[in-house]
């Protein structure tokens, strides 16, 4: 009963029309809204989706990219109003639910095989 109550309350906060559709291993551009003083701007974080976890309003995804030779990971809430849009740039063939093994790899070893659509 309490689970049904939680789901009914959460249903109002889920993104229905523009919920991003992407999978693990996809290279994505995440457009986030950033507040600077009284101005609002869009900042793009691009990288590979290495994990998704949670469900409902608590669903999160992790994006990893390499900046100046250093790996940077950022977690985003999927249904956050701060996420403007998620654009899939490239899809990859993966056989894992979590791509944490990419953390140990450097250079060309980080590349994933592209999925043809």
Protein backbone atom coordinates (compact mmCIF):
# COMPACT_ATOMS: atom_id res chain seq x y z
CA UNK A 1 0.00 0.00 0.00
CA UNK A 2 2.73 2.47 0.93
CA UNK A 3 4.63 1.67 -2.29
CA UNK A 4 1.55 2.51 -4.37
CA UNK A 5 1.15 5.76 -2.45
CA UNK A 6 4.78 6.70 -3.12
CA UNK A 7 4.44 5.94 -6.84
CA UNK A 8 1.27 8.02 -7.16
CA UNK A 9 2.95 11.03 -5.51
CA UNK A 10 6.12 10.65 -7.62
CA UNK A 11 4.14 10.41 -10.88
CA UNK A 12 3.61 14.21 -10.89
CA UNK A 13 7.37 14.88 -10.89
CA UNK A 14 8.44 12.45 -13.63
CA UNK A 15 9.39 13.80 -17.06
CA UNK A 16 6.85 12.30 -19.44
CA UNK A 17 7.14 14.18 -22.72
CA UNK A 18 10.89 14.79 -22.91
CA UNK A 19 12.25 11.91 -20.84
CA UNK A 20 15.67 11.17 -22.37
CA UNK A 21 16.12 7.74 -23.93
CA UNK A 22 19.67 6.43 -23.82
CA UNK A 23 21.49 3.30 -22.75
CA UNK A 24 24.70 2.32 -21.02
CA UNK A 25 27.67 2.92 -23.32
CA UNK A 26 26.07 5.78 -25.24
CA UNK A 27 28.07 8.97 -25.73
CA UNK A 28 25.76 11.80 -24.69
CA UNK A 29 25.64 15.57 -24.31
CA UNK A 30 23.89 16.53 -21.07
CA UNK A 31 22.55 20.11 -21.20
CA UNK A 32 22.23 21.41 -17.64
CA UNK A 33 20.86 24.75 -16.47
CA UNK A 34 23.38 26.71 -14.39
CA UNK A 35 22.43 29.72 -12.25
CA UNK A 36 25.05 32.49 -12.11
CA UNK A 37 23.74 35.33 -10.00
CA UNK A 38 20.41 36.25 -11.57
CA UNK A 39 21.30 34.85 -15.01
CA UNK A 40 20.66 31.30 -16.17
CA UNK A 41 22.71 29.58 -18.84
CA UNK A 42 23.07 26.10 -20.35
CA UNK A 43 26.26 24.13 -19.75
CA UNK A 44 27.00 20.99 -21.78
CA UNK A 45 28.73 17.97 -20.24
CA UNK A 46 29.58 15.32 -22.82
CA UNK A 47 30.85 11.82 -22.14
CA UNK A 48 30.02 8.12 -21.95
CA UNK A 49 27.17 6.84 -19.79
CA UNK A 50 28.82 4.28 -17.51
CA UNK A 51 25.97 3.58 -15.07
CA UNK A 52 22.27 4.00 -14.38
CA UNK A 53 20.67 3.27 -11.04
CA UNK A 54 17.53 3.91 -9.05
CA UNK A 55 13.95 4.14 -10.23
CA UNK A 56 11.19 6.71 -10.36
CA UNK A 57 12.22 10.20 -9.33
CA UNK A 58 15.39 8.81 -7.73
CA UNK A 59 16.83 7.50 -11.02
CA UNK A 60 20.40 8.68 -11.64
CA UNK A 61 22.93 8.21 -14.40
CA UNK A 62 26.71 8.64 -14.39
CA UNK A 63 28.62 10.22 -17.28
CA UNK A 64 32.40 9.92 -17.61
CA UNK A 65 34.75 11.94 -19.77
CA UNK A 66 38.47 12.66 -19.99
CA UNK A 67 39.58 16.27 -19.36
CA UNK A 68 43.27 17.14 -19.71
CA UNK A 69 44.25 13.48 -19.26
CA UNK A 70 42.21 13.14 -16.06
CA UNK A 71 38.95 11.19 -15.82
CA UNK A 72 35.94 13.19 -14.64
CA UNK A 73 32.63 11.60 -13.63
CA UNK A 74 29.39 13.37 -12.89
CA UNK A 75 26.10 11.97 -11.64
CA UNK A 76 22.84 13.47 -12.87
CA UNK A 77 19.28 12.91 -11.64
CA UNK A 78 17.29 11.80 -14.69
CA UNK A 79 14.06 13.65 -13.87
CA UNK A 80 15.63 16.85 -12.54
CA UNK A 81 14.23 20.17 -13.80
CA UNK A 82 17.87 21.34 -14.05
CA UNK A 83 18.49 18.85 -16.89
CA UNK A 84 17.39 20.62 -20.06
CA UNK A 85 17.97 17.74 -22.47
CA UNK A 86 20.15 14.71 -23.13
CA UNK A 87 21.36 14.29 -26.71
CA UNK A 88 22.69 10.90 -27.81
CA UNK A 89 25.71 11.45 -30.05
CA UNK A 90 26.81 7.84 -30.50
CA UNK A 91 25.74 4.37 -29.35
CA UNK A 92 28.14 1.60 -28.42
CA UNK A 93 27.95 -2.16 -28.11
CA UNK A 94 28.35 -3.16 -24.46
CA UNK A 95 27.73 -6.38 -22.57
CA UNK A 96 27.68 -4.97 -19.04
CA UNK A 97 25.21 -3.00 -16.96
CA UNK A 98 27.98 -0.92 -15.36
CA UNK A 99 31.10 0.17 -17.23
CA UNK A 100 33.30 0.82 -14.20
CA UNK A 101 36.17 -1.02 -15.89
CA UNK A 102 36.68 2.08 -18.08
CA UNK A 103 38.10 3.87 -15.01
CA UNK A 104 41.28 1.76 -15.19
CA UNK A 105 41.85 2.30 -18.89
CA UNK A 106 43.87 5.01 -20.62
CA UNK A 107 44.02 6.32 -24.18
CA UNK A 108 42.73 4.15 -27.00
CA UNK A 109 41.72 1.37 -24.59
CA UNK A 110 38.79 3.53 -23.46
CA UNK A 111 37.14 3.33 -26.89
CA UNK A 112 33.98 1.26 -27.29
CA UNK A 113 32.78 -0.45 -30.46
CA UNK A 114 30.08 1.62 -32.21
CA UNK A 115 26.58 0.20 -32.64
CA UNK A 116 25.19 0.48 -36.17
CA UNK A 117 21.52 1.43 -36.37
